[in-house]
N, C-alpha and C. Protein backbone atom coordinates (compact mmCIF):
# COMPACT_ATOMS: atom_id res chain seq x y z
N MET A 1 121.25 61.10 88.69
CA MET A 1 121.04 62.38 89.37
C MET A 1 121.77 63.46 88.59
N ILE A 2 121.08 64.60 88.36
CA ILE A 2 121.70 65.69 87.63
C ILE A 2 122.20 66.75 88.61
N PRO A 3 123.18 67.58 88.18
CA PRO A 3 123.63 68.66 89.05
C PRO A 3 122.48 69.62 89.36
N THR A 4 122.66 70.50 90.35
CA THR A 4 121.59 71.42 90.72
C THR A 4 121.51 72.63 89.80
N ALA A 5 122.50 72.80 88.94
CA ALA A 5 122.48 73.90 87.97
C ALA A 5 123.17 73.44 86.69
N LEU A 6 122.56 73.75 85.55
CA LEU A 6 123.11 73.35 84.26
C LEU A 6 123.20 74.57 83.35
N THR A 7 124.23 74.61 82.53
CA THR A 7 124.34 75.68 81.52
C THR A 7 123.42 75.34 80.36
N ALA A 8 123.20 76.32 79.51
CA ALA A 8 122.34 76.11 78.34
C ALA A 8 122.91 75.02 77.43
N ASP A 9 124.21 75.00 77.25
CA ASP A 9 124.81 73.97 76.39
C ASP A 9 124.68 72.58 77.01
N GLN A 10 124.83 72.48 78.33
CA GLN A 10 124.64 71.18 79.00
C GLN A 10 123.20 70.71 78.85
N VAL A 11 122.25 71.63 78.99
CA VAL A 11 120.84 71.28 78.84
C VAL A 11 120.56 70.84 77.41
N ASN A 12 121.10 71.57 76.43
CA ASN A 12 120.86 71.24 75.03
C ASN A 12 121.32 69.81 74.72
N ALA A 13 122.45 69.40 75.30
CA ALA A 13 122.98 68.06 75.06
C ALA A 13 122.13 66.98 75.73
N ARG A 14 121.41 67.34 76.80
CA ARG A 14 120.65 66.35 77.58
C ARG A 14 119.15 66.57 77.53
N LEU A 15 118.69 67.46 76.66
CA LEU A 15 117.28 67.85 76.65
C LEU A 15 116.35 66.65 76.49
N HIS A 16 116.74 65.67 75.70
CA HIS A 16 115.90 64.51 75.44
C HIS A 16 115.66 63.66 76.70
N GLU A 17 116.50 63.79 77.70
CA GLU A 17 116.35 62.96 78.91
C GLU A 17 115.79 63.74 80.10
N LEU A 18 115.50 65.03 79.91
CA LEU A 18 115.03 65.88 81.01
C LEU A 18 113.54 66.19 80.86
N THR A 19 112.86 66.30 81.99
CA THR A 19 111.50 66.86 82.01
C THR A 19 111.68 68.32 82.37
N VAL A 20 111.28 69.20 81.46
CA VAL A 20 111.51 70.63 81.63
C VAL A 20 110.24 71.30 82.14
N ILE A 21 110.38 72.06 83.23
CA ILE A 21 109.27 72.79 83.83
C ILE A 21 109.59 74.28 83.72
N ASP A 22 108.76 75.02 83.02
CA ASP A 22 108.93 76.46 82.84
C ASP A 22 108.03 77.15 83.86
N VAL A 23 108.62 77.87 84.81
CA VAL A 23 107.84 78.48 85.90
C VAL A 23 107.48 79.94 85.62
N ARG A 24 107.68 80.39 84.39
CA ARG A 24 107.27 81.76 84.05
C ARG A 24 105.75 81.82 83.92
N THR A 25 105.23 83.02 83.77
CA THR A 25 103.79 83.17 83.58
C THR A 25 103.40 82.57 82.24
N THR A 26 102.11 82.32 82.07
CA THR A 26 101.60 81.74 80.83
C THR A 26 101.96 82.60 79.63
N GLY A 27 101.87 83.91 79.79
CA GLY A 27 102.20 84.81 78.69
C GLY A 27 103.67 84.72 78.31
N GLU A 28 104.54 84.68 79.31
CA GLU A 28 105.97 84.56 79.03
C GLU A 28 106.26 83.23 78.35
N TYR A 29 105.64 82.18 78.82
CA TYR A 29 105.81 80.84 78.23
C TYR A 29 105.40 80.85 76.76
N ALA A 30 104.26 81.49 76.47
CA ALA A 30 103.76 81.54 75.09
C ALA A 30 104.68 82.34 74.18
N SER A 31 105.47 83.25 74.76
CA SER A 31 106.36 84.06 73.93
C SER A 31 107.57 83.27 73.45
N GLY A 32 107.79 82.08 73.97
CA GLY A 32 108.88 81.22 73.53
C GLY A 32 109.45 80.44 74.69
N HIS A 33 109.53 79.11 74.53
CA HIS A 33 110.01 78.26 75.60
C HIS A 33 110.87 77.13 75.04
N LEU A 34 111.60 76.46 75.93
CA LEU A 34 112.42 75.33 75.52
C LEU A 34 111.54 74.24 74.91
N PRO A 35 112.06 73.55 73.91
CA PRO A 35 111.28 72.45 73.31
C PRO A 35 110.86 71.44 74.36
N GLY A 36 109.58 71.07 74.34
CA GLY A 36 109.06 70.07 75.26
C GLY A 36 108.78 70.55 76.66
N ALA A 37 108.94 71.85 76.92
CA ALA A 37 108.75 72.38 78.29
C ALA A 37 107.27 72.38 78.67
N HIS A 38 107.03 72.08 79.94
CA HIS A 38 105.69 72.15 80.53
C HIS A 38 105.59 73.46 81.30
N ASN A 39 104.46 74.14 81.23
CA ASN A 39 104.29 75.41 81.93
C ASN A 39 103.57 75.21 83.26
N VAL A 40 104.30 75.46 84.36
CA VAL A 40 103.73 75.46 85.71
C VAL A 40 104.20 76.76 86.35
N PRO A 41 103.40 77.85 86.25
CA PRO A 41 103.83 79.12 86.82
C PRO A 41 104.22 78.98 88.29
N LEU A 42 105.20 79.77 88.70
CA LEU A 42 105.75 79.66 90.06
C LEU A 42 104.67 79.74 91.13
N ASP A 43 103.66 80.58 90.93
CA ASP A 43 102.63 80.71 91.95
C ASP A 43 101.66 79.51 91.97
N ARG A 44 101.83 78.57 91.03
CA ARG A 44 101.00 77.36 91.02
C ARG A 44 101.82 76.11 91.36
N LEU A 45 103.05 76.33 91.80
CA LEU A 45 103.97 75.22 92.05
C LEU A 45 103.43 74.25 93.10
N ASP A 46 102.83 74.78 94.16
CA ASP A 46 102.32 73.91 95.23
C ASP A 46 101.24 72.96 94.71
N THR A 47 100.39 73.45 93.80
CA THR A 47 99.34 72.62 93.20
C THR A 47 99.95 71.47 92.42
N ALA A 48 101.11 71.73 91.80
CA ALA A 48 101.74 70.75 90.92
C ALA A 48 102.67 69.78 91.63
N LEU A 49 102.88 69.92 92.94
CA LEU A 49 103.87 69.10 93.65
C LEU A 49 103.72 67.59 93.42
N PRO A 50 102.50 67.01 93.53
CA PRO A 50 102.40 65.57 93.31
C PRO A 50 102.84 65.15 91.89
N ALA A 51 102.44 65.92 90.89
CA ALA A 51 102.81 65.61 89.51
C ALA A 51 104.31 65.79 89.30
N LEU A 52 104.89 66.81 89.93
CA LEU A 52 106.33 67.04 89.80
C LEU A 52 107.13 65.95 90.48
N LYS A 53 106.61 65.46 91.60
CA LYS A 53 107.29 64.36 92.31
C LYS A 53 107.30 63.11 91.42
N THR A 54 106.18 62.85 90.76
CA THR A 54 106.09 61.71 89.84
C THR A 54 107.07 61.86 88.69
N ALA A 55 107.10 63.06 88.09
CA ALA A 55 108.00 63.32 86.97
C ALA A 55 109.46 63.18 87.39
N ALA A 56 109.81 63.70 88.56
CA ALA A 56 111.19 63.61 89.05
C ALA A 56 111.59 62.17 89.34
N GLY A 57 110.63 61.33 89.71
CA GLY A 57 110.91 59.93 89.97
C GLY A 57 111.28 59.17 88.71
N ARG A 58 110.86 59.67 87.55
CA ARG A 58 111.17 59.02 86.28
C ARG A 58 112.51 59.43 85.71
N GLY A 59 113.04 60.58 86.14
CA GLY A 59 114.30 61.06 85.57
C GLY A 59 114.57 62.49 85.97
N GLY A 60 115.53 63.12 85.29
CA GLY A 60 115.95 64.47 85.63
C GLY A 60 114.86 65.50 85.43
N LEU A 61 114.74 66.40 86.39
CA LEU A 61 113.77 67.49 86.34
C LEU A 61 114.55 68.79 86.22
N LEU A 62 114.24 69.57 85.20
CA LEU A 62 114.90 70.86 84.97
C LEU A 62 113.87 71.96 85.08
N VAL A 63 114.16 72.97 85.89
CA VAL A 63 113.25 74.11 86.06
C VAL A 63 113.87 75.33 85.40
N VAL A 64 113.07 76.03 84.59
CA VAL A 64 113.58 77.21 83.88
C VAL A 64 112.66 78.40 84.07
N CYS A 65 113.25 79.58 83.93
CA CYS A 65 112.50 80.83 83.90
C CYS A 65 113.25 81.76 82.96
N ALA A 66 113.02 83.05 83.04
CA ALA A 66 113.67 83.98 82.12
C ALA A 66 115.15 84.16 82.43
N SER A 67 115.51 84.29 83.72
CA SER A 67 116.89 84.61 84.08
C SER A 67 117.56 83.57 84.97
N GLY A 68 116.77 82.73 85.59
CA GLY A 68 117.30 81.76 86.54
C GLY A 68 116.92 82.06 87.97
N ALA A 69 116.39 83.26 88.24
CA ALA A 69 116.04 83.64 89.62
C ALA A 69 114.80 82.88 90.10
N ARG A 70 113.72 82.92 89.31
CA ARG A 70 112.50 82.22 89.73
C ARG A 70 112.70 80.70 89.73
N SER A 71 113.48 80.19 88.78
CA SER A 71 113.70 78.74 88.75
C SER A 71 114.53 78.30 89.96
N ALA A 72 115.47 79.13 90.41
CA ALA A 72 116.24 78.80 91.61
C ALA A 72 115.33 78.77 92.83
N THR A 73 114.40 79.72 92.91
CA THR A 73 113.41 79.72 94.00
C THR A 73 112.56 78.46 93.95
N ALA A 74 112.12 78.09 92.74
CA ALA A 74 111.31 76.89 92.59
C ALA A 74 112.09 75.64 93.01
N CYS A 75 113.36 75.57 92.64
CA CYS A 75 114.19 74.40 93.01
C CYS A 75 114.32 74.28 94.53
N ARG A 76 114.47 75.43 95.21
CA ARG A 76 114.55 75.40 96.67
C ARG A 76 113.24 74.90 97.28
N ARG A 77 112.13 75.37 96.74
CA ARG A 77 110.82 74.93 97.24
C ARG A 77 110.60 73.44 96.98
N LEU A 78 111.04 72.98 95.81
CA LEU A 78 110.92 71.55 95.50
C LEU A 78 111.82 70.72 96.42
N ALA A 79 113.03 71.21 96.66
CA ALA A 79 113.96 70.50 97.55
C ALA A 79 113.37 70.36 98.95
N ASP A 80 112.66 71.40 99.41
CA ASP A 80 112.01 71.33 100.72
C ASP A 80 110.96 70.21 100.78
N GLN A 81 110.46 69.82 99.61
CA GLN A 81 109.46 68.75 99.54
C GLN A 81 110.08 67.42 99.13
N GLY A 82 111.42 67.37 99.10
CA GLY A 82 112.11 66.14 98.76
C GLY A 82 112.19 65.86 97.27
N ILE A 83 111.98 66.88 96.45
CA ILE A 83 112.03 66.72 95.00
C ILE A 83 113.31 67.35 94.48
N THR A 84 114.15 66.56 93.82
CA THR A 84 115.41 67.06 93.28
C THR A 84 115.17 67.63 91.90
N ALA A 85 115.66 68.84 91.68
CA ALA A 85 115.53 69.49 90.37
C ALA A 85 116.74 70.38 90.15
N ALA A 86 117.03 70.62 88.88
CA ALA A 86 118.12 71.53 88.50
C ALA A 86 117.53 72.79 87.90
N THR A 87 118.30 73.85 87.92
CA THR A 87 117.89 75.10 87.29
C THR A 87 118.78 75.36 86.08
N LEU A 88 118.21 76.05 85.09
CA LEU A 88 118.97 76.45 83.91
C LEU A 88 119.66 77.78 84.21
N ILE A 89 120.98 77.78 84.23
CA ILE A 89 121.75 78.99 84.54
C ILE A 89 121.48 80.04 83.45
N GLY A 90 121.02 81.20 83.87
CA GLY A 90 120.73 82.27 82.91
C GLY A 90 119.38 82.16 82.25
N GLY A 91 118.66 81.09 82.53
CA GLY A 91 117.29 80.93 82.03
C GLY A 91 117.16 80.92 80.52
N THR A 92 115.94 81.21 80.08
CA THR A 92 115.67 81.21 78.64
C THR A 92 116.43 82.33 77.94
N THR A 93 116.83 83.36 78.68
CA THR A 93 117.63 84.43 78.08
C THR A 93 118.96 83.87 77.60
N ALA A 94 119.65 83.13 78.45
CA ALA A 94 120.92 82.51 78.06
C ALA A 94 120.70 81.49 76.96
N TRP A 95 119.62 80.74 77.06
CA TRP A 95 119.29 79.71 76.06
C TRP A 95 119.18 80.32 74.66
N THR A 96 118.40 81.40 74.55
CA THR A 96 118.20 82.02 73.23
C THR A 96 119.44 82.77 72.76
N GLN A 97 120.19 83.36 73.69
CA GLN A 97 121.42 84.06 73.29
C GLN A 97 122.42 83.13 72.64
N LEU A 98 122.41 81.86 73.05
CA LEU A 98 123.32 80.88 72.46
C LEU A 98 122.76 80.26 71.18
N GLY A 99 121.57 80.71 70.77
CA GLY A 99 121.00 80.27 69.50
C GLY A 99 120.27 78.94 69.55
N HIS A 100 119.95 78.44 70.74
CA HIS A 100 119.21 77.19 70.84
C HIS A 100 117.75 77.42 70.45
N ASP A 101 117.12 76.35 69.96
CA ASP A 101 115.74 76.45 69.49
C ASP A 101 114.77 76.75 70.62
N ILE A 102 113.75 77.52 70.28
CA ILE A 102 112.63 77.74 71.19
C ILE A 102 111.35 77.42 70.43
N HIS A 103 110.30 77.12 71.18
CA HIS A 103 109.00 76.84 70.58
C HIS A 103 108.04 77.95 70.94
N ARG A 104 107.22 78.29 69.96
CA ARG A 104 106.12 79.25 70.19
C ARG A 104 104.87 78.68 69.54
N PRO A 105 103.76 78.71 70.25
CA PRO A 105 102.52 78.26 69.61
C PRO A 105 102.20 79.16 68.42
N ALA A 106 101.91 78.56 67.28
CA ALA A 106 101.61 79.33 66.07
C ALA A 106 100.35 80.16 66.28
N GLY A 107 100.41 81.40 65.82
CA GLY A 107 99.26 82.28 65.87
C GLY A 107 98.89 82.80 67.24
N THR A 108 99.72 82.56 68.24
CA THR A 108 99.43 83.03 69.60
C THR A 108 100.03 84.40 69.81
N ARG A 109 99.19 85.31 70.27
CA ARG A 109 99.68 86.64 70.63
C ARG A 109 99.92 86.62 72.13
N SER A 110 101.16 86.78 72.52
CA SER A 110 101.48 86.67 73.94
C SER A 110 101.66 88.05 74.56
N PRO A 111 101.35 88.17 75.86
CA PRO A 111 101.60 89.44 76.53
C PRO A 111 103.10 89.68 76.68
N TRP A 112 103.42 90.86 77.09
CA TRP A 112 104.83 91.21 77.29
C TRP A 112 105.47 90.32 78.33
N ALA A 113 106.79 90.22 78.24
CA ALA A 113 107.55 89.51 79.27
C ALA A 113 107.35 90.23 80.60
N MET A 114 107.47 89.49 81.70
CA MET A 114 107.19 90.05 83.03
C MET A 114 108.07 91.25 83.34
N ASP A 115 109.36 91.19 83.01
CA ASP A 115 110.22 92.32 83.33
C ASP A 115 109.77 93.58 82.59
N ARG A 116 109.25 93.42 81.37
CA ARG A 116 108.74 94.57 80.63
C ARG A 116 107.46 95.12 81.26
N GLN A 117 106.59 94.21 81.72
CA GLN A 117 105.37 94.65 82.41
C GLN A 117 105.72 95.42 83.68
N VAL A 118 106.71 94.93 84.43
CA VAL A 118 107.13 95.60 85.67
C VAL A 118 107.68 96.98 85.35
N ARG A 119 108.51 97.09 84.31
CA ARG A 119 109.07 98.40 83.96
C ARG A 119 107.97 99.38 83.56
N LEU A 120 106.96 98.90 82.82
CA LEU A 120 105.85 99.78 82.42
C LEU A 120 105.09 100.29 83.64
N VAL A 121 104.72 99.37 84.53
CA VAL A 121 103.92 99.77 85.70
C VAL A 121 104.75 100.66 86.63
N ALA A 122 106.00 100.26 86.91
CA ALA A 122 106.84 101.07 87.81
C ALA A 122 107.07 102.46 87.23
N GLY A 123 107.41 102.52 85.96
CA GLY A 123 107.64 103.82 85.32
C GLY A 123 106.39 104.69 85.32
N SER A 124 105.23 104.06 85.06
CA SER A 124 103.97 104.80 85.05
C SER A 124 103.65 105.36 86.43
N LEU A 125 103.89 104.55 87.48
CA LEU A 125 103.62 105.03 88.84
C LEU A 125 104.57 106.16 89.24
N VAL A 126 105.85 106.05 88.88
CA VAL A 126 106.81 107.12 89.19
C VAL A 126 106.41 108.39 88.47
N LEU A 127 106.10 108.28 87.17
CA LEU A 127 105.70 109.45 86.39
C LEU A 127 104.43 110.08 86.94
N THR A 128 103.46 109.25 87.31
CA THR A 128 102.21 109.76 87.89
C THR A 128 102.49 110.51 89.18
N GLY A 129 103.35 109.94 90.04
CA GLY A 129 103.69 110.61 91.29
C GLY A 129 104.38 111.94 91.07
N LEU A 130 105.27 112.01 90.08
CA LEU A 130 105.97 113.27 89.81
C LEU A 130 105.04 114.33 89.23
N ILE A 131 104.18 113.91 88.30
CA ILE A 131 103.26 114.88 87.69
C ILE A 131 102.24 115.36 88.72
N ALA A 132 101.64 114.42 89.47
CA ALA A 132 100.66 114.80 90.49
C ALA A 132 101.34 115.60 91.60
N GLY A 133 102.64 115.36 91.82
CA GLY A 133 103.38 116.07 92.85
C GLY A 133 103.55 117.54 92.55
N GLN A 134 103.37 117.94 91.28
CA GLN A 134 103.41 119.36 90.92
C GLN A 134 102.27 120.13 91.61
N ARG A 135 101.16 119.42 91.79
CA ARG A 135 99.99 120.07 92.38
C ARG A 135 99.81 119.68 93.86
N TRP A 136 100.05 118.40 94.17
CA TRP A 136 99.90 117.89 95.53
C TRP A 136 101.22 117.27 95.94
N SER A 137 101.93 117.91 96.81
CA SER A 137 103.28 117.46 97.17
C SER A 137 103.29 116.04 97.77
N ALA A 138 102.20 115.65 98.41
CA ALA A 138 102.14 114.31 99.01
C ALA A 138 102.19 113.21 97.94
N ALA A 139 101.82 113.53 96.71
CA ALA A 139 101.82 112.53 95.63
C ALA A 139 103.23 112.07 95.29
N ARG A 140 104.24 112.87 95.66
CA ARG A 140 105.63 112.47 95.39
C ARG A 140 106.02 111.22 96.18
N ARG A 141 105.27 110.95 97.24
CA ARG A 141 105.55 109.75 98.03
C ARG A 141 105.35 108.48 97.20
N LEU A 142 104.44 108.55 96.24
CA LEU A 142 104.22 107.41 95.35
C LEU A 142 105.51 107.09 94.59
N SER A 143 106.12 108.12 94.02
CA SER A 143 107.38 107.93 93.30
C SER A 143 108.48 107.40 94.22
N ALA A 144 108.55 107.96 95.41
CA ALA A 144 109.56 107.51 96.37
C ALA A 144 109.33 106.06 96.78
N GLY A 145 108.08 105.69 96.98
CA GLY A 145 107.74 104.32 97.36
C GLY A 145 108.13 103.31 96.28
N VAL A 146 107.84 103.67 95.02
CA VAL A 146 108.20 102.78 93.92
C VAL A 146 109.72 102.66 93.81
N ALA A 147 110.42 103.78 93.93
CA ALA A 147 111.88 103.76 93.87
C ALA A 147 112.45 102.87 94.98
N GLY A 148 111.92 103.01 96.18
CA GLY A 148 112.37 102.17 97.29
C GLY A 148 112.09 100.70 97.03
N GLY A 149 110.93 100.42 96.45
CA GLY A 149 110.59 99.03 96.11
C GLY A 149 111.53 98.45 95.07
N LEU A 150 111.95 99.26 94.10
CA LEU A 150 112.88 98.78 93.08
C LEU A 150 114.27 98.50 93.69
N VAL A 151 114.70 99.36 94.60
CA VAL A 151 115.99 99.13 95.27
C VAL A 151 115.92 97.83 96.08
N PHE A 152 114.84 97.66 96.85
CA PHE A 152 114.65 96.44 97.64
C PHE A 152 114.63 95.21 96.73
N SER A 153 113.94 95.33 95.59
CA SER A 153 113.86 94.23 94.63
C SER A 153 115.25 93.82 94.13
N ALA A 154 116.07 94.82 93.83
CA ALA A 154 117.42 94.52 93.34
C ALA A 154 118.28 93.89 94.43
N LEU A 155 118.17 94.40 95.65
CA LEU A 155 119.00 93.88 96.75
C LEU A 155 118.62 92.46 97.15
N THR A 156 117.35 92.13 97.06
CA THR A 156 116.88 90.80 97.50
C THR A 156 116.67 89.83 96.35
N ASN A 157 116.79 90.32 95.12
CA ASN A 157 116.54 89.52 93.92
C ASN A 157 115.14 88.92 93.95
N THR A 158 114.18 89.72 94.42
CA THR A 158 112.77 89.35 94.41
C THR A 158 112.00 90.50 93.77
N CYS A 159 110.75 90.27 93.45
CA CYS A 159 109.96 91.36 92.87
C CYS A 159 108.50 91.21 93.25
N GLY A 160 108.09 92.02 94.22
CA GLY A 160 106.71 92.01 94.66
C GLY A 160 105.75 92.44 93.57
N MET A 161 106.17 93.40 92.75
CA MET A 161 105.30 93.87 91.67
C MET A 161 105.07 92.75 90.66
N ALA A 162 106.09 91.97 90.37
CA ALA A 162 105.93 90.84 89.43
C ALA A 162 104.96 89.82 90.00
N ARG A 163 105.01 89.61 91.31
CA ARG A 163 104.07 88.66 91.93
C ARG A 163 102.63 89.15 91.76
N ILE A 164 102.44 90.45 91.92
CA ILE A 164 101.09 91.01 91.76
C ILE A 164 100.65 90.92 90.31
N LEU A 165 101.53 91.31 89.38
CA LEU A 165 101.19 91.27 87.95
C LEU A 165 100.94 89.84 87.47
N ALA A 166 101.61 88.87 88.07
CA ALA A 166 101.42 87.47 87.67
C ALA A 166 100.01 86.98 87.95
N LYS A 167 99.29 87.69 88.83
CA LYS A 167 97.93 87.28 89.17
C LYS A 167 96.89 87.85 88.20
N LEU A 168 97.31 88.73 87.28
CA LEU A 168 96.37 89.28 86.31
C LEU A 168 95.94 88.18 85.34
N PRO A 169 94.70 88.25 84.84
CA PRO A 169 94.17 87.16 83.99
C PRO A 169 95.03 86.82 82.78
N HIS A 170 95.64 87.80 82.14
CA HIS A 170 96.42 87.49 80.93
C HIS A 170 97.74 86.79 81.26
N ASN A 171 98.13 86.78 82.52
CA ASN A 171 99.36 86.10 82.93
C ASN A 171 99.12 84.75 83.59
N ARG A 172 97.87 84.37 83.76
CA ARG A 172 97.55 83.13 84.48
C ARG A 172 97.09 82.04 83.52
N PRO A 173 97.45 80.78 83.82
CA PRO A 173 96.98 79.69 82.96
C PRO A 173 95.50 79.43 83.19
N LYS A 174 94.83 78.97 82.16
CA LYS A 174 93.46 78.52 82.34
C LYS A 174 93.52 77.23 83.14
N ALA A 175 92.51 76.97 83.95
CA ALA A 175 92.50 75.77 84.79
C ALA A 175 92.67 74.52 83.93
N ALA A 176 92.03 74.50 82.77
CA ALA A 176 92.12 73.33 81.89
C ALA A 176 93.55 73.14 81.39
N ASP A 177 94.24 74.23 81.10
CA ASP A 177 95.63 74.13 80.63
C ASP A 177 96.53 73.55 81.72
N LEU A 178 96.37 74.03 82.94
CA LEU A 178 97.19 73.51 84.04
C LEU A 178 96.85 72.05 84.31
N ASP A 179 95.57 71.70 84.26
CA ASP A 179 95.17 70.31 84.47
C ASP A 179 95.79 69.41 83.41
N ALA A 180 95.80 69.86 82.15
CA ALA A 180 96.40 69.07 81.07
C ALA A 180 97.91 68.91 81.29
N THR A 181 98.55 69.98 81.76
CA THR A 181 99.99 69.91 82.04
C THR A 181 100.27 68.91 83.14
N LEU A 182 99.49 68.96 84.22
CA LEU A 182 99.69 68.04 85.34
C LEU A 182 99.43 66.59 84.91
N ALA A 183 98.43 66.39 84.07
CA ALA A 183 98.15 65.04 83.56
C ALA A 183 99.32 64.54 82.71
N ALA A 184 99.88 65.42 81.89
CA ALA A 184 101.02 65.05 81.05
C ALA A 184 102.23 64.70 81.92
N LEU A 185 102.44 65.47 82.99
CA LEU A 185 103.56 65.19 83.88
C LEU A 185 103.39 63.85 84.60
N THR A 186 102.19 63.56 84.99
CA THR A 186 101.91 62.31 85.69
C THR A 186 102.03 61.12 84.74
N GLY A 187 101.56 61.33 83.50
CA GLY A 187 101.60 60.24 82.52
C GLY A 187 102.90 60.16 81.77
N GLY A 188 103.77 61.14 81.96
CA GLY A 188 105.07 61.10 81.30
C GLY A 188 105.05 61.53 79.86
N GLN A 189 103.97 62.20 79.42
CA GLN A 189 103.89 62.62 78.04
C GLN A 189 104.57 63.97 77.86
N LYS A 190 105.13 64.16 76.70
CA LYS A 190 105.70 65.46 76.34
C LYS A 190 104.58 66.32 75.77
N PRO A 191 104.68 67.67 75.92
CA PRO A 191 103.68 68.52 75.28
C PRO A 191 103.70 68.32 73.77
N VAL A 192 102.59 68.61 73.12
CA VAL A 192 102.53 68.50 71.66
C VAL A 192 103.55 69.44 71.05
N ALA A 193 104.30 68.92 70.08
CA ALA A 193 105.36 69.73 69.46
C ALA A 193 104.75 70.90 68.72
N GLU A 194 105.40 72.03 68.84
CA GLU A 194 104.97 73.23 68.14
C GLU A 194 106.04 73.59 67.13
N PRO A 195 105.71 74.47 66.17
CA PRO A 195 106.71 74.85 65.19
C PRO A 195 107.91 75.49 65.88
N VAL A 196 109.09 75.15 65.42
CA VAL A 196 110.30 75.72 65.99
C VAL A 196 110.53 77.08 65.38
N ARG A 197 110.76 78.07 66.21
CA ARG A 197 111.03 79.41 65.75
C ARG A 197 112.23 79.95 66.47
N ARG A 198 113.06 80.62 65.77
CA ARG A 198 114.24 81.22 66.39
C ARG A 198 113.83 82.44 67.17
N ALA A 199 114.57 82.72 68.26
CA ALA A 199 114.27 83.90 69.09
C ALA A 199 114.55 85.16 68.30
């Protein structure tokens, strides 16, 4: 049994014995992930429960995301289903800051990281509300609403806008990709190795 939270250095020492589940969006995963990680986006976690239960029965299950927030949520949801999993403290951000290897599919152009997508959309909506508010004062409510949403997001460590953006086609896995991941988890296979690239 592994602890419920591991540092990047602890994970690096035990990576060969862990099944790693990356719960970021497909685009974020393609931008660089832990070696051998399987991509099961957080919003598809329920679909993957049987395969994750099988994988956890074989050994340690590690869930990762960019910062550790989504992976902690995933671990709680898995625990509710009787599946024990650990989270990577600080996520892939901490992993790359310490210089550990990441994998990126060669020749893949990945979309922006989710936090960057959120900043673009939130900033665009605020700017639109302010500019439109010059002519129609009611448009300023858009800016106020986005600001309130950002404050709520920070206080609750959740992000409704990220949930919405995760549903866009460029952030979602193809059904065949998710099916292949679930088959690999059930069969105990590691993903095909990709070229190692430094962050």
